Amino acid sequence: MTEQQRCVLSRALADDCDFCEPTEREIADLAAYVAGTITADEFEQRAEWRMVGASY
């Protein structure tokens, strides 16, 4: 992950989590999305799976 990608990830976590504590899996998925290893659709699908307790 580039320095710019790390900065984007850090800002996204700070902006999104003023009231929550993200899980390790949420952070990993966000990092994968920022790094470009998963698409926006995959990121959203993984979030939906977490909401219903499914594994991937």
N, C-alpha and C. Protein backbone atom coordinates (compact mmCIF):
# COMPACT_ATOMS: atom_id res chain seq x y z
N MET A 1 0.85 -1.16 0.00
CA MET A 1 0.00 0.00 0.00
C MET A 1 0.90 1.24 0.00
N THR A 2 0.57 2.18 -0.85
CA THR A 2 1.38 3.39 -0.95
C THR A 2 1.11 4.32 0.24
N GLU A 3 1.94 5.30 0.38
CA GLU A 3 1.75 6.30 1.45
C GLU A 3 0.40 7.01 1.28
N GLN A 4 0.07 7.35 0.04
CA GLN A 4 -1.21 8.02 -0.23
C GLN A 4 -2.38 7.10 0.13
N GLN A 5 -2.29 5.83 -0.20
CA GLN A 5 -3.36 4.89 0.14
C GLN A 5 -3.49 4.75 1.65
N ARG A 6 -2.38 4.72 2.36
CA ARG A 6 -2.42 4.64 3.83
C ARG A 6 -3.10 5.87 4.41
N CYS A 7 -2.82 7.02 3.82
CA CYS A 7 -3.45 8.26 4.27
C CYS A 7 -4.96 8.22 4.05
N VAL A 8 -5.38 7.74 2.88
CA VAL A 8 -6.80 7.61 2.58
C VAL A 8 -7.46 6.66 3.57
N LEU A 9 -6.82 5.54 3.84
CA LEU A 9 -7.35 4.57 4.79
C LEU A 9 -7.48 5.18 6.18
N SER A 10 -6.46 5.86 6.61
CA SER A 10 -6.49 6.49 7.93
C SER A 10 -7.62 7.51 8.04
N ARG A 11 -7.77 8.34 7.02
CA ARG A 11 -8.86 9.34 7.03
C ARG A 11 -10.23 8.68 7.01
N ALA A 12 -10.37 7.64 6.20
CA ALA A 12 -11.65 6.94 6.13
C ALA A 12 -12.02 6.33 7.47
N LEU A 13 -11.06 5.75 8.14
CA LEU A 13 -11.33 5.16 9.46
C LEU A 13 -11.69 6.24 10.48
N ALA A 14 -11.00 7.35 10.43
CA ALA A 14 -11.28 8.44 11.37
C ALA A 14 -12.65 9.06 11.10
N ASP A 15 -12.99 9.26 9.84
CA ASP A 15 -14.27 9.87 9.49
C ASP A 15 -15.44 8.95 9.77
N ASP A 16 -15.26 7.67 9.48
CA ASP A 16 -16.36 6.71 9.57
C ASP A 16 -16.59 6.22 10.99
N CYS A 17 -15.60 6.33 11.84
CA CYS A 17 -15.70 5.65 13.12
C CYS A 17 -15.63 6.57 14.33
N ASP A 18 -16.25 7.72 14.22
CA ASP A 18 -16.30 8.61 15.38
C ASP A 18 -17.09 7.98 16.51
N PHE A 19 -18.01 7.10 16.17
CA PHE A 19 -18.89 6.52 17.17
C PHE A 19 -18.79 5.00 17.24
N CYS A 20 -17.89 4.40 16.49
CA CYS A 20 -17.81 2.94 16.46
C CYS A 20 -16.37 2.47 16.58
N GLU A 21 -16.23 1.21 16.83
CA GLU A 21 -14.92 0.56 16.89
C GLU A 21 -14.89 -0.48 15.78
N PRO A 22 -14.20 -0.20 14.66
CA PRO A 22 -14.20 -1.15 13.54
C PRO A 22 -13.52 -2.46 13.91
N THR A 23 -14.01 -3.52 13.31
CA THR A 23 -13.40 -4.83 13.54
C THR A 23 -12.16 -4.97 12.65
N GLU A 24 -11.36 -5.95 12.96
CA GLU A 24 -10.17 -6.22 12.15
C GLU A 24 -10.57 -6.55 10.71
N ARG A 25 -11.67 -7.29 10.55
CA ARG A 25 -12.13 -7.67 9.21
C ARG A 25 -12.60 -6.44 8.43
N GLU A 26 -13.29 -5.52 9.10
CA GLU A 26 -13.74 -4.29 8.44
C GLU A 26 -12.55 -3.46 7.96
N ILE A 27 -11.54 -3.36 8.80
CA ILE A 27 -10.34 -2.61 8.44
C ILE A 27 -9.62 -3.29 7.28
N ALA A 28 -9.53 -4.62 7.34
CA ALA A 28 -8.86 -5.37 6.25
C ALA A 28 -9.59 -5.18 4.94
N ASP A 29 -10.93 -5.21 4.97
CA ASP A 29 -11.69 -5.03 3.74
C ASP A 29 -11.54 -3.60 3.21
N LEU A 30 -11.56 -2.63 4.09
CA LEU A 30 -11.38 -1.25 3.66
C LEU A 30 -9.98 -1.06 3.06
N ALA A 31 -8.98 -1.66 3.69
CA ALA A 31 -7.62 -1.57 3.17
C ALA A 31 -7.52 -2.21 1.79
N ALA A 32 -8.18 -3.36 1.61
CA ALA A 32 -8.17 -4.04 0.31
C ALA A 32 -8.85 -3.18 -0.75
N TYR A 33 -9.92 -2.52 -0.37
CA TYR A 33 -10.62 -1.64 -1.32
C TYR A 33 -9.74 -0.44 -1.69
N VAL A 34 -9.15 0.19 -0.70
CA VAL A 34 -8.30 1.36 -0.96
C VAL A 34 -7.10 0.97 -1.82
N ALA A 35 -6.54 -0.22 -1.56
CA ALA A 35 -5.38 -0.69 -2.33
C ALA A 35 -5.76 -1.16 -3.73
N GLY A 36 -7.06 -1.34 -3.97
CA GLY A 36 -7.50 -1.76 -5.28
C GLY A 36 -7.53 -3.25 -5.50
N THR A 37 -7.43 -4.04 -4.44
CA THR A 37 -7.45 -5.49 -4.61
C THR A 37 -8.86 -6.07 -4.60
N ILE A 38 -9.84 -5.27 -4.16
CA ILE A 38 -11.25 -5.64 -4.31
C ILE A 38 -11.99 -4.43 -4.87
N THR A 39 -13.09 -4.69 -5.54
CA THR A 39 -13.88 -3.62 -6.14
C THR A 39 -14.85 -3.03 -5.11
N ALA A 40 -15.47 -1.92 -5.48
CA ALA A 40 -16.48 -1.32 -4.61
C ALA A 40 -17.63 -2.29 -4.38
N ASP A 41 -18.01 -3.02 -5.42
CA ASP A 41 -19.09 -4.01 -5.27
C ASP A 41 -18.70 -5.11 -4.29
N GLU A 42 -17.47 -5.59 -4.38
CA GLU A 42 -16.99 -6.62 -3.45
C GLU A 42 -16.96 -6.08 -2.02
N PHE A 43 -16.51 -4.85 -1.87
CA PHE A 43 -16.46 -4.22 -0.55
C PHE A 43 -17.86 -4.15 0.06
N GLU A 44 -18.84 -3.70 -0.73
CA GLU A 44 -20.21 -3.61 -0.25
C GLU A 44 -20.79 -4.99 0.07
N GLN A 45 -20.49 -5.97 -0.77
CA GLN A 45 -21.01 -7.30 -0.52
C GLN A 45 -20.43 -7.88 0.78
N ARG A 46 -19.16 -7.66 1.02
CA ARG A 46 -18.56 -8.14 2.26
C ARG A 46 -19.19 -7.47 3.47
N ALA A 47 -19.49 -6.19 3.36
CA ALA A 47 -20.16 -5.48 4.45
C ALA A 47 -21.54 -6.09 4.71
N GLU A 48 -22.25 -6.39 3.64
CA GLU A 48 -23.57 -7.02 3.78
C GLU A 48 -23.44 -8.40 4.43
N TRP A 49 -22.44 -9.16 4.03
CA TRP A 49 -22.23 -10.49 4.62
C TRP A 49 -21.94 -10.38 6.12
N ARG A 50 -21.14 -9.37 6.50
CA ARG A 50 -20.84 -9.21 7.93
C ARG A 50 -22.12 -8.90 8.70
N MET A 51 -23.01 -8.12 8.10
CA MET A 51 -24.24 -7.73 8.78
C MET A 51 -25.12 -8.95 9.07
N VAL A 52 -25.08 -9.95 8.22
CA VAL A 52 -25.91 -11.13 8.44
C VAL A 52 -25.12 -12.28 9.06
N GLY A 53 -23.85 -12.04 9.35
CA GLY A 53 -23.04 -13.04 10.03
C GLY A 53 -22.48 -14.13 9.13
N ALA A 54 -22.51 -13.92 7.82
CA ALA A 54 -21.95 -14.90 6.89
C ALA A 54 -20.44 -14.75 6.81
N SER A 55 -19.78 -15.83 6.50
CA SER A 55 -18.31 -15.75 6.33
C SER A 55 -17.98 -15.75 4.86
N TYR A 56 -16.79 -15.24 4.54
CA TYR A 56 -16.33 -15.18 3.15
C TYR A 56 -14.88 -15.49 3.09
